PDB file of N, CA and C in Angstrom:
ATOM      1  N   MET A   1    -115.803 104.192 179.931  1.00  0.00           N
ATOM      2  CA  MET A   1    -115.726 103.333 178.755  1.00  0.00           C
ATOM      3  C   MET A   1    -116.172 101.921 179.138  1.00  0.00           C
ATOM      4  N   SER A   2    -117.186 101.416 178.424  1.00  0.00           N
ATOM      5  CA  SER A   2    -117.710 100.078 178.735  1.00  0.00           C
ATOM      6  C   SER A   2    -117.123  99.056 177.775  1.00  0.00           C
ATOM      7  N   LEU A   3    -117.269  97.789 178.144  1.00  0.00           N
ATOM      8  CA  LEU A   3    -116.742  96.703 177.309  1.00  0.00           C
ATOM      9  C   LEU A   3    -117.672  96.371 176.146  1.00  0.00           C
ATOM     10  N   GLY A   4    -118.876  96.910 176.141  1.00  0.00           N
ATOM     11  CA  GLY A   4    -119.851  96.606 175.101  1.00  0.00           C
ATOM     12  C   GLY A   4    -119.687  97.447 173.843  1.00  0.00           C
ATOM     13  N   ILE A   5    -118.532  98.067 173.645  1.00  0.00           N
ATOM     14  CA  ILE A   5    -118.304  98.902 172.466  1.00  0.00           C
ATOM     15  C   ILE A   5    -118.107  98.002 171.250  1.00  0.00           C
ATOM     16  N   CYS A   6    -118.728  98.364 170.140  1.00  0.00           N
ATOM     17  CA  CYS A   6    -118.534  97.553 168.929  1.00  0.00           C
ATOM     18  C   CYS A   6    -117.146  97.826 168.350  1.00  0.00           C
ATOM     19  N   THR A   7    -116.684  96.924 167.514  1.00  0.00           N
ATOM     20  CA  THR A   7    -115.329  96.998 166.961  1.00  0.00           C
ATOM     21  C   THR A   7    -115.122  98.286 166.173  1.00  0.00           C
ATOM     22  N   TYR A   8    -116.117  98.683 165.440  1.00  0.00           N
ATOM     23  CA  TYR A   8    -115.988  99.892 164.618  1.00  0.00           C
ATOM     24  C   TYR A   8    -115.682 101.103 165.492  1.00  0.00           C
ATOM     25  N   ASP A   9    -116.432 101.234 166.591  1.00  0.00           N
ATOM     26  CA  ASP A   9    -116.204 102.351 167.518  1.00  0.00           C
ATOM     27  C   ASP A   9    -114.812 102.261 168.135  1.00  0.00           C
ATOM     28  N   ARG A  10    -114.391 101.060 168.458  1.00  0.00           N
ATOM     29  CA  ARG A  10    -113.055 100.886 169.051  1.00  0.00           C
ATOM     30  C   ARG A  10    -111.976 101.359 168.083  1.00  0.00           C
ATOM     31  N   LEU A  11    -112.118 100.925 166.811  1.00  0.00           N
ATOM     32  CA  LEU A  11    -111.120 101.319 165.810  1.00  0.00           C
ATOM     33  C   LEU A  11    -111.088 102.837 165.650  1.00  0.00           C
ATOM     34  N   ALA A  12    -112.274 103.439 165.661  1.00  0.00           N
ATOM     35  CA  ALA A  12    -112.361 104.900 165.533  1.00  0.00           C
ATOM     36  C   ALA A  12    -111.682 105.569 166.718  1.00  0.00           C
ATOM     37  N   ARG A  13    -111.918 105.035 167.906  1.00  0.00           N
ATOM     38  CA  ARG A  13    -111.297 105.620 169.106  1.00  0.00           C
ATOM     39  C   ARG A  13    -109.784 105.408 169.086  1.00  0.00           C
ATOM     40  N   LYS A  14    -109.370 104.235 168.518  1.00  0.00           N
ATOM     41  CA  LYS A  14    -107.928 103.953 168.446  1.00  0.00           C
ATOM     42  C   LYS A  14    -107.263 104.998 167.561  1.00  0.00           C
ATOM     43  N   ARG A  15    -107.884 105.277 166.416  1.00  0.00           N
ATOM     44  CA  ARG A  15    -107.336 106.280 165.508  1.00  0.00           C
ATOM     45  C   ARG A  15    -107.245 107.651 166.184  1.00  0.00           C
ATOM     46  N   ALA A  16    -108.214 107.908 167.008  1.00  0.00           N
ATOM     47  CA  ALA A  16    -108.238 109.199 167.702  1.00  0.00           C
ATOM     48  C   ALA A  16    -107.258 109.225 168.865  1.00  0.00           C
ATOM     49  N   GLY A  17    -106.779 108.040 169.270  1.00  0.00           N
ATOM     50  CA  GLY A  17    -105.802 107.959 170.352  1.00  0.00           C
ATOM     51  C   GLY A  17    -106.436 107.978 171.718  1.00  0.00           C
ATOM     52  N   VAL A  18    -107.708 107.566 171.802  1.00  0.00           N
ATOM     53  CA  VAL A  18    -108.422 107.597 173.074  1.00  0.00           C
ATOM     54  C   VAL A  18    -108.269 106.273 173.833  1.00  0.00           C
ATOM     55  N   LEU A  19    -108.230 105.149 173.093  1.00  0.00           N
ATOM     56  CA  LEU A  19    -108.173 103.836 173.745  1.00  0.00           C
ATOM     57  C   LEU A  19    -106.825 103.598 174.424  1.00  0.00           C
ATOM     58  N   PRO A  20    -106.832 102.881 175.544  1.00  0.00           N
ATOM     59  CA  PRO A  20    -105.574 102.526 176.195  1.00  0.00           C
ATOM     60  C   PRO A  20    -104.779 101.504 175.367  1.00  0.00           C
ATOM     61  N   ILE A  21    -103.506 101.412 175.603  1.00  0.00           N
ATOM     62  CA  ILE A  21    -102.602 100.554 174.824  1.00  0.00           C
ATOM     63  C   ILE A  21    -103.017  99.082 174.884  1.00  0.00           C
ATOM     64  N   ALA A  22    -103.491  98.613 176.019  1.00  0.00           N
ATOM     65  CA  ALA A  22    -103.877  97.212 176.181  1.00  0.00           C
ATOM     66  C   ALA A  22    -104.958  96.817 175.181  1.00  0.00           C
ATOM     67  N   LEU A  23    -105.887  97.684 174.906  1.00  0.00           N
ATOM     68  CA  LEU A  23    -106.959  97.364 173.962  1.00  0.00           C
ATOM     69  C   LEU A  23    -106.519  97.546 172.513  1.00  0.00           C
ATOM     70  N   THR A  24    -105.615  98.460 172.238  1.00  0.00           N
ATOM     71  CA  THR A  24    -105.191  98.705 170.852  1.00  0.00           C
ATOM     72  C   THR A  24    -104.441  97.503 170.304  1.00  0.00           C
ATOM     73  N   GLY A  25    -103.666  96.832 171.125  1.00  0.00           N
ATOM     74  CA  GLY A  25    -102.915  95.648 170.691  1.00  0.00           C
ATOM     75  C   GLY A  25    -103.845  94.549 170.231  1.00  0.00           C
ATOM     76  N   ALA A  26    -104.986  94.389 170.892  1.00  0.00           N
ATOM     77  CA  ALA A  26    -105.940  93.341 170.549  1.00  0.00           C
ATOM     78  C   ALA A  26    -106.635  93.648 169.227  1.00  0.00           C
ATOM     79  N   LEU A  27    -106.729  94.927 168.887  1.00  0.00           N
ATOM     80  CA  LEU A  27    -107.436  95.305 167.672  1.00  0.00           C
ATOM     81  C   LEU A  27    -106.591  95.139 166.414  1.00  0.00           C
ATOM     82  N   GLU A  28    -105.292  95.237 166.574  1.00  0.00           N
ATOM     83  CA  GLU A  28    -104.422  95.114 165.400  1.00  0.00           C
ATOM     84  C   GLU A  28    -104.492  93.683 164.873  1.00  0.00           C
ATOM     85  N   LYS A  29    -104.431  93.588 163.556  1.00  0.00           N
ATOM     86  CA  LYS A  29    -104.493  92.251 162.947  1.00  0.00           C
ATOM     87  C   LYS A  29    -103.241  91.466 163.305  1.00  0.00           C
ATOM     88  N   LYS A  30    -103.459  90.209 163.611  1.00  0.00           N
ATOM     89  CA  LYS A  30    -102.335  89.341 163.945  1.00  0.00           C
ATOM     90  C   LYS A  30    -101.625  88.970 162.647  1.00  0.00           C
ATOM     91  N   LYS A  31    -100.345  89.246 162.586  1.00  0.00           N
ATOM     92  CA  LYS A  31     -99.574  88.937 161.381  1.00  0.00           C
ATOM     93  C   LYS A  31     -99.081  87.492 161.459  1.00  0.00           C
ATOM     94  N   PRO A  32     -99.171  86.764 160.365  1.00  0.00           N
ATOM     95  CA  PRO A  32     -98.693  85.377 160.398  1.00  0.00           C
ATOM     96  C   PRO A  32     -97.168  85.333 160.462  1.00  0.00           C
ATOM     97  N   ASN A  33     -96.679  84.370 161.197  1.00  0.00           N
ATOM     98  CA  ASN A  33     -95.241  84.195 161.322  1.00  0.00           C
ATOM     99  C   ASN A  33     -94.772  83.381 160.118  1.00  0.00           C
ATOM    100  N   LYS A  34     -94.257  84.080 159.106  1.00  0.00           N
ATOM    101  CA  LYS A  34     -93.891  83.428 157.845  1.00  0.00           C
ATOM    102  C   LYS A  34     -92.763  82.425 158.022  1.00  0.00           C
ATOM    103  N   ILE A  35     -91.799  82.768 158.841  1.00  0.00           N
ATOM    104  CA  ILE A  35     -90.649  81.880 159.043  1.00  0.00           C
ATOM    105  C   ILE A  35     -91.114  80.572 159.672  1.00  0.00           C
ATOM    106  N   ARG A  36     -91.951  80.686 160.717  1.00  0.00           N
ATOM    107  CA  ARG A  36     -92.446  79.490 161.395  1.00  0.00           C
ATOM    108  C   ARG A  36     -93.261  78.622 160.434  1.00  0.00           C
ATOM    109  N   ASP A  37     -94.127  79.259 159.653  1.00  0.00           N
ATOM    110  CA  ASP A  37     -94.959  78.523 158.701  1.00  0.00           C
ATOM    111  C   ASP A  37     -94.097  77.817 157.654  1.00  0.00           C
ATOM    112  N   LYS A  38     -93.054  78.517 157.196  1.00  0.00           N
ATOM    113  CA  LYS A  38     -92.169  77.939 156.186  1.00  0.00           C
ATOM    114  C   LYS A  38     -91.463  76.705 156.747  1.00  0.00           C
ATOM    115  N   LYS A  39     -90.950  76.832 157.981  1.00  0.00           N
ATOM    116  CA  LYS A  39     -90.267  75.694 158.600  1.00  0.00           C
ATOM    117  C   LYS A  39     -91.227  74.529 158.807  1.00  0.00           C
ATOM    118  N   ARG A  40     -92.451  74.869 159.192  1.00  0.00           N
ATOM    119  CA  ARG A  40     -93.468  73.841 159.429  1.00  0.00           C
ATOM    120  C   ARG A  40     -93.763  73.085 158.136  1.00  0.00           C
ATOM    121  N   THR A  41     -93.949  73.825 157.042  1.00  0.00           N
ATOM    122  CA  THR A  41     -94.237  73.174 155.763  1.00  0.00           C
ATOM    123  C   THR A  41     -93.050  72.326 155.308  1.00  0.00           C
ATOM    124  N   GLN A  42     -91.845  72.830 155.540  1.00  0.00           N
ATOM    125  CA  GLN A  42     -90.652  72.052 155.179  1.00  0.00           C
ATOM    126  C   GLN A  42     -90.614  70.743 155.965  1.00  0.00           C
ATOM    127  N   MET A  43     -90.910  70.845 157.264  1.00  0.00           N
ATOM    128  CA  MET A  43     -90.904  69.650 158.107  1.00  0.00           C
ATOM    129  C   MET A  43     -91.935  68.640 157.623  1.00  0.00           C
ATOM    130  N   ILE A  44     -93.117  69.154 157.286  1.00  0.00           N
ATOM    131  CA  ILE A  44     -94.180  68.267 156.803  1.00  0.00           C
ATOM    132  C   ILE A  44     -93.747  67.592 155.510  1.00  0.00           C
ATOM    133  N   ARG A  45     -93.142  68.370 154.610  1.00  0.00           N
ATOM    134  CA  ARG A  45     -92.671  67.795 153.337  1.00  0.00           C
ATOM    135  C   ARG A  45     -91.635  66.713 153.578  1.00  0.00           C
ATOM    136  N   ARG A  46     -90.674  67.016 154.478  1.00  0.00           N
ATOM    137  CA  ARG A  46     -89.629  66.032 154.776  1.00  0.00           C
ATOM    138  C   ARG A  46     -90.230  64.752 155.340  1.00  0.00           C
ATOM    139  N   LYS A  47     -91.191  64.930 156.243  1.00  0.00           N
ATOM    140  CA  LYS A  47     -91.831  63.786 156.871  1.00  0.00           C
ATOM    141  C   LYS A  47     -92.535  62.921 155.829  1.00  0.00           C
ATOM    142  N   LYS A  48     -93.265  63.575 154.913  1.00  0.00           N
ATOM    143  CA  LYS A  48     -93.967  62.842 153.852  1.00  0.00           C
ATOM    144  C   LYS A  48     -92.976  62.115 152.966  1.00  0.00           C
ATOM    145  N   LYS A  49     -91.880  62.819 152.604  1.00  0.00           N
ATOM    146  CA  LYS A  49     -90.856  62.241 151.737  1.00  0.00           C
ATOM    147  C   LYS A  49     -90.245  61.008 152.405  1.00  0.00           C
ATOM    148  N   LYS A  50     -89.951  61.142 153.708  1.00  0.00           N
ATOM    149  CA  LYS A  50     -89.345  60.058 154.458  1.00  0.00           C
ATOM    150  C   LYS A  50     -90.288  58.855 154.505  1.00  0.00           C
ATOM    151  N   LYS A  51     -91.576  59.154 154.741  1.00  0.00           N
ATOM    152  CA  LYS A  51     -92.579  58.101 154.816  1.00  0.00           C
ATOM    153  C   LYS A  51     -92.690  57.376 153.476  1.00  0.00           C
ATOM    154  N   LYS A  52     -92.698  58.160 152.383  1.00  0.00           N
ATOM    155  CA  LYS A  52     -92.800  57.598 151.041  1.00  0.00           C
ATOM    156  C   LYS A  52     -91.594  56.708 150.747  1.00  0.00           C
ATOM    157  N   LYS A  53     -90.397  57.213 151.129  1.00  0.00           N
ATOM    158  CA  LYS A  53     -89.168  56.467 150.898  1.00  0.00           C
ATOM    159  C   LYS A  53     -89.199  55.145 151.669  1.00  0.00           C
ATOM    160  N   LYS A  54     -89.662  55.216 152.921  1.00  0.00           N
ATOM    161  CA  LYS A  54     -89.737  54.031 153.763  1.00  0.00           C
ATOM    162  C   LYS A  54     -90.693  53.007 153.161  1.00  0.00           C
ATOM    163  N   LYS A  55     -91.837  53.505 152.675  1.00  0.00           N
ATOM    164  CA  LYS A  55     -92.840  52.637 152.060  1.00  0.00           C
ATOM    165  C   LYS A  55     -92.263  51.962 150.821  1.00  0.00           C
ATOM    166  N   LYS A  56     -91.545  52.749 150.006  1.00  0.00           N
ATOM    167  CA  LYS A  56     -90.934  52.240 148.778  1.00  0.00           C
ATOM    168  C   LYS A  56     -89.911  51.154 149.113  1.00  0.00           C
ATOM    169  N   LYS A  57     -89.108  51.424 150.151  1.00  0.00           N
ATOM    170  CA  LYS A  57     -88.073  50.487 150.577  1.00  0.00           C
ATOM    171  C   LYS A  57     -88.714  49.178 151.042  1.00  0.00           C
ATOM    172  N   LYS A  58     -89.800  49.304 151.809  1.00  0.00           N
ATOM    173  CA  LYS A  58     -90.507  48.136 152.323  1.00  0.00           C
ATOM    174  C   LYS A  58     -91.070  47.312 151.176  1.00  0.00           C
ATOM    175  N   LYS A  59     -91.640  48.016 150.189  1.00  0.00           N
ATOM    176  CA  LYS A  59     -92.225  47.353 149.027  1.00  0.00           C
ATOM    177  C   LYS A  59     -91.136  46.606 148.251  1.00  0.00           C
ATOM    178  N   LYS A  60     -89.982  47.258 148.088  1.00  0.00           N
ATOM    179  CA  LYS A  60     -88.867  46.667 147.357  1.00  0.00           C
ATOM    180  C   LYS A  60     -88.375  45.411 148.081  1.00  0.00           C
ATOM    181  N   LYS A  61     -88.282  45.508 149.411  1.00  0.00           N
ATOM    182  CA  LYS A  61     -87.819  44.394 150.218  1.00  0.00           C
ATOM    183  C   LYS A  61     -88.783  43.217 150.091  1.00  0.00           C
ATOM    184  N   LYS A  62     -90.084  43.529 150.125  1.00  0.00           N
ATOM    185  CA  LYS A  62     -91.109  42.499 150.012  1.00  0.00           C
ATOM    186  C   LYS A  62     -91.023  41.807 148.658  1.00  0.00           C
ATOM    187  N   LYS A  63     -90.818  42.623 147.603  1.00  0.00           N
ATOM    188  CA  LYS A  63     -90.715  42.099 146.247  1.00  0.00           C
ATOM    189  C   LYS A  63     -89.499  41.175 146.135  1.00  0.00           C
ATOM    190  N   LYS A  64     -88.380  41.617 146.729  1.00  0.00           N
ATOM    191  CA  LYS A  64     -87.146  40.845 146.690  1.00  0.00           C
ATOM    192  C   LYS A  64     -87.339  39.504 147.398  1.00  0.00           C
ATOM    193  N   LYS A  65     -88.014  39.559 148.551  1.00  0.00           N
ATOM    194  CA  LYS A  65     -88.255  38.364 149.337  1.00  0.00           C
ATOM    195  C   LYS A  65     -89.122  37.376 148.551  1.00  0.00           C
ATOM    196  N   LYS A  66     -90.149  37.921 147.888  1.00  0.00           N
ATOM    197  CA  LYS A  66     -91.055  37.106 147.090  1.00  0.00           C
ATOM    198  C   LYS A  66     -90.308  36.440 145.941  1.00  0.00           C
ATOM    199  N   LYS A  67     -89.438  37.210 145.290  1.00  0.00           N
ATOM    200  CA  LYS A  67     -88.648  36.711 144.170  1.00  0.00           C
ATOM    201  C   LYS A  67     -87.730  35.580 144.634  1.00  0.00           C
ATOM    202  N   LYS A  68     -87.111  35.786 145.811  1.00  0.00           N
ATOM    203  CA  LYS A  68     -86.191  34.795 146.367  1.00  0.00           C
ATOM    204  C   LYS A  68     -86.942  33.496 146.673  1.00  0.00           C
ATOM    205  N   LYS A  69     -88.128  33.651 147.245  1.00  0.00           N
ATOM    206  CA  LYS A  69     -88.946  32.487 147.589  1.00  0.00           C
ATOM    207  C   LYS A  69     -89.329  31.711 146.329  1.00  0.00           C
ATOM    208  N   LYS A  70     -89.719  32.447 145.293  1.00  0.00           N
ATOM    209  CA  LYS A  70     -90.127  31.828 144.029  1.00  0.00           C
ATOM    210  C   LYS A  70     -88.951  31.061 143.421  1.00  0.00           C
ATOM    211  N   LYS A  71     -87.773  31.677 143.463  1.00  0.00           N
ATOM    212  CA  LYS A  71     -86.571  31.056 142.906  1.00  0.00           C
ATOM    213  C   LYS A  71     -86.255  29.753 143.646  1.00  0.00           C
ATOM    214  N   LYS A  72     -86.389  29.812 144.974  1.00  0.00           N
ATOM    215  CA  LYS A  72     -86.104  28.643 145.797  1.00  0.00           C
ATOM    216  C   LYS A  72     -87.071  27.518 145.457  1.00  0.00           C
ATOM    217  N   GLU A  73     -88.344  27.832 145.291  1.00  0.00           N
ATOM    218  CA  GLU A  73     -89.352  26.824 144.944  1.00  0.00           C
ATOM    219  C   GLU A  73     -89.044  26.205 143.581  1.00  0.00           C
ATOM    220  N   GLU A  74     -88.636  27.012 142.623  1.00  0.00           N
ATOM    221  CA  GLU A  74     -88.294  26.511 141.295  1.00  0.00           C
ATOM    222  C   GLU A  74     -87.114  25.544 141.366  1.00  0.00           C
ATOM    223  N   GLU A  75     -86.118  25.890 142.157  1.00  0.00           N
ATOM    224  CA  GLU A  75     -84.951  25.016 142.307  1.00  0.00           C
ATOM    225  C   GLU A  75     -85.355  23.670 142.913  1.00  0.00           C
ATOM    226  N   GLU A  76     -86.239  23.731 143.917  1.00  0.00           N
ATOM    227  CA  GLU A  76     -86.694  22.486 144.546  1.00  0.00           C
ATOM    228  C   GLU A  76     -87.455  21.621 143.538  1.00  0.00           C
ATOM    229  N   GLU A  77     -88.290  22.255 142.734  1.00  0.00           N
ATOM    230  CA  GLU A  77     -89.041  21.509 141.716  1.00  0.00           C
ATOM    231  C   GLU A  77     -88.098  20.860 140.709  1.00  0.00           C
ATOM    232  N   GLU A  78     -87.070  21.615 140.308  1.00  0.00           N
ATOM    233  CA  GLU A  78     -86.093  21.059 139.355  1.00  0.00           C
ATOM    234  C   GLU A  78     -85.372  19.855 139.952  1.00  0.00           C
ATOM    235  N   GLU A  79     -85.001  19.975 141.222  1.00  0.00           N
ATOM    236  CA  GLU A  79     -84.322  18.860 141.891  1.00  0.00           C
ATOM    237  C   GLU A  79     -85.227  17.626 141.944  1.00  0.00           C
ATOM    238  N   GLU A  80     -86.498  17.853 142.262  1.00  0.00           N
ATOM    239  CA  GLU A  80     -87.440  16.728 142.317  1.00  0.00           C
ATOM    240  C   GLU A  80     -87.584  16.076 140.949  1.00  0.00           C
ATOM    241  N   GLU A  81     -87.667  16.875 139.913  1.00  0.00           N
ATOM    242  CA  GLU A  81     -87.793  16.339 138.554  1.00  0.00           C
ATOM    243  C   GLU A  81     -86.557  15.516 138.180  1.00  0.00           C
ATOM    244  N   GLU A  82     -85.382  16.034 138.538  1.00  0.00           N
ATOM    245  CA  GLU A  82     -84.142  15.312 138.241  1.00  0.00           C
ATOM    246  C   GLU A  82     -84.125  13.964 138.958  1.00  0.00           C
ATOM    247  N   GLU A  83     -84.555  13.981 140.226  1.00  0.00           N
ATOM    248  CA  GLU A  83     -84.581  12.721 140.989  1.00  0.00           C
ATOM    249  C   GLU A  83     -85.552  11.723 140.352  1.00  0.00           C
ATOM    250  N   GLU A  84     -86.707  12.218 139.932  1.00  0.00           N
ATOM    251  CA  GLU A  84     -87.684  11.323 139.287  1.00  0.00           C
ATOM    252  C   GLU A  84     -87.121  10.733 137.996  1.00  0.00           C
ATOM    253  N   GLU A  85     -86.416  11.559 137.212  1.00  0.00           N
ATOM    254  CA  GLU A  85     -85.811  11.074 135.971  1.00  0.00           C
ATOM    255  C   GLU A  85     -84.773   9.988 136.260  1.00  0.00           C
ATOM    256  N   LYS A  86     -83.970  10.207 137.281  1.00  0.00           N
ATOM    257  CA  LYS A  86     -82.955   9.202 137.649  1.00  0.00           C
ATOM    258  C   LYS A  86     -83.621   7.895 138.053  1.00  0.00           C
ATOM    259  N   GLU A  87     -84.710   8.002 138.820  1.00  0.00           N
ATOM    260  CA  GLU A  87     -85.430   6.805 139.253  1.00  0.00           C
ATOM    261  C   GLU A  87     -85.998   6.047 138.044  1.00  0.00           C
ATOM    262  N   ARG A  88     -86.560   6.789 137.100  1.00  0.00           N
ATOM    263  CA  ARG A  88     -87.103   6.151 135.887  1.00  0.00           C
ATOM    264  C   ARG A  88     -86.010   5.439 135.105  1.00  0.00           C
ATOM    265  N   GLU A  89     -84.851   6.104 134.980  1.00  0.00           N
ATOM    266  CA  GLU A  89     -83.726   5.489 134.258  1.00  0.00           C
ATOM    267  C   GLU A  89     -83.266   4.230 134.970  1.00  0.00           C
ATOM    268  N   ASN A  90     -83.226   4.303 136.296  1.00  0.00           N
ATOM    269  CA  ASN A  90     -82.813   3.125 137.078  1.00  0.00           C
ATOM    270  C   ASN A  90     -83.808   1.974 136.902  1.00  0.00           C
ATOM    271  N   GLU A  91     -85.105   2.317 136.854  1.00  0.00           N
ATOM    272  CA  GLU A  91     -86.130   1.286 136.664  1.00  0.00           C
ATOM    273  C   GLU A  91     -85.999   0.634 135.286  1.00  0.00           C
ATOM    274  N   LYS A  92     -85.702   1.455 134.291  1.00  0.00           N
ATOM    275  CA  LYS A  92     -85.552   0.928 132.930  1.00  0.00           C
ATOM    276  C   LYS A  92     -84.326   0.026 132.835  1.00  0.00           C
ATOM    277  N   GLU A  93     -83.252   0.429 133.472  1.00  0.00           N
ATOM    278  CA  GLU A  93     -82.015  -0.350 133.426  1.00  0.00           C
ATOM    279  C   GLU A  93     -82.117  -1.615 134.279  1.00  0.00           C
ATOM    280  N   GLY A  94     -82.892  -1.520 135.328  1.00  0.00           N
ATOM    281  CA  GLY A  94     -83.022  -2.645 136.271  1.00  0.00           C
ATOM    282  C   GLY A  94     -83.495  -3.931 135.616  1.00  0.00           C
ATOM    283  N   PRO A  95     -84.598  -3.925 134.876  1.00  0.00           N
ATOM    284  CA  PRO A  95     -85.085  -5.168 134.262  1.00  0.00           C
ATOM    285  C   PRO A  95     -84.134  -5.735 133.203  1.00  0.00           C
ATOM    286  N   ASP A  96     -83.335  -4.891 132.564  1.00  0.00           N
ATOM    287  CA  ASP A  96     -82.402  -5.368 131.539  1.00  0.00           C
ATOM    288  C   ASP A  96     -81.329  -6.242 132.146  1.00  0.00           C
ATOM    289  N   LEU A  97     -80.921  -5.945 133.356  1.00  0.00           N
ATOM    290  CA  LEU A  97     -79.860  -6.731 133.964  1.00  0.00           C
ATOM    291  C   LEU A  97     -80.352  -8.039 134.405  1.00  0.00           C
TER     292      LEU A  97
END
């Protein structure tokens, strides 16, 4: 028996029971491991979900930080305006005295 046998002949010989066990195992179709594939897909889904959640959290944090900064700037502007108003009132009152 030579190694140059085509697959069809091998399968025919396998059916006839002529081929040795070592070669018959190679001819059988490899069955997919469903459990492993299922776990793998679950892991991938979890990883994607985790990544999405992390991204969302980061975005929320950034938005919160931006909002806080904006609020702080508004407060500073209000304080400056109040100080300017007080100065104007003082200037107006100053010449009267």
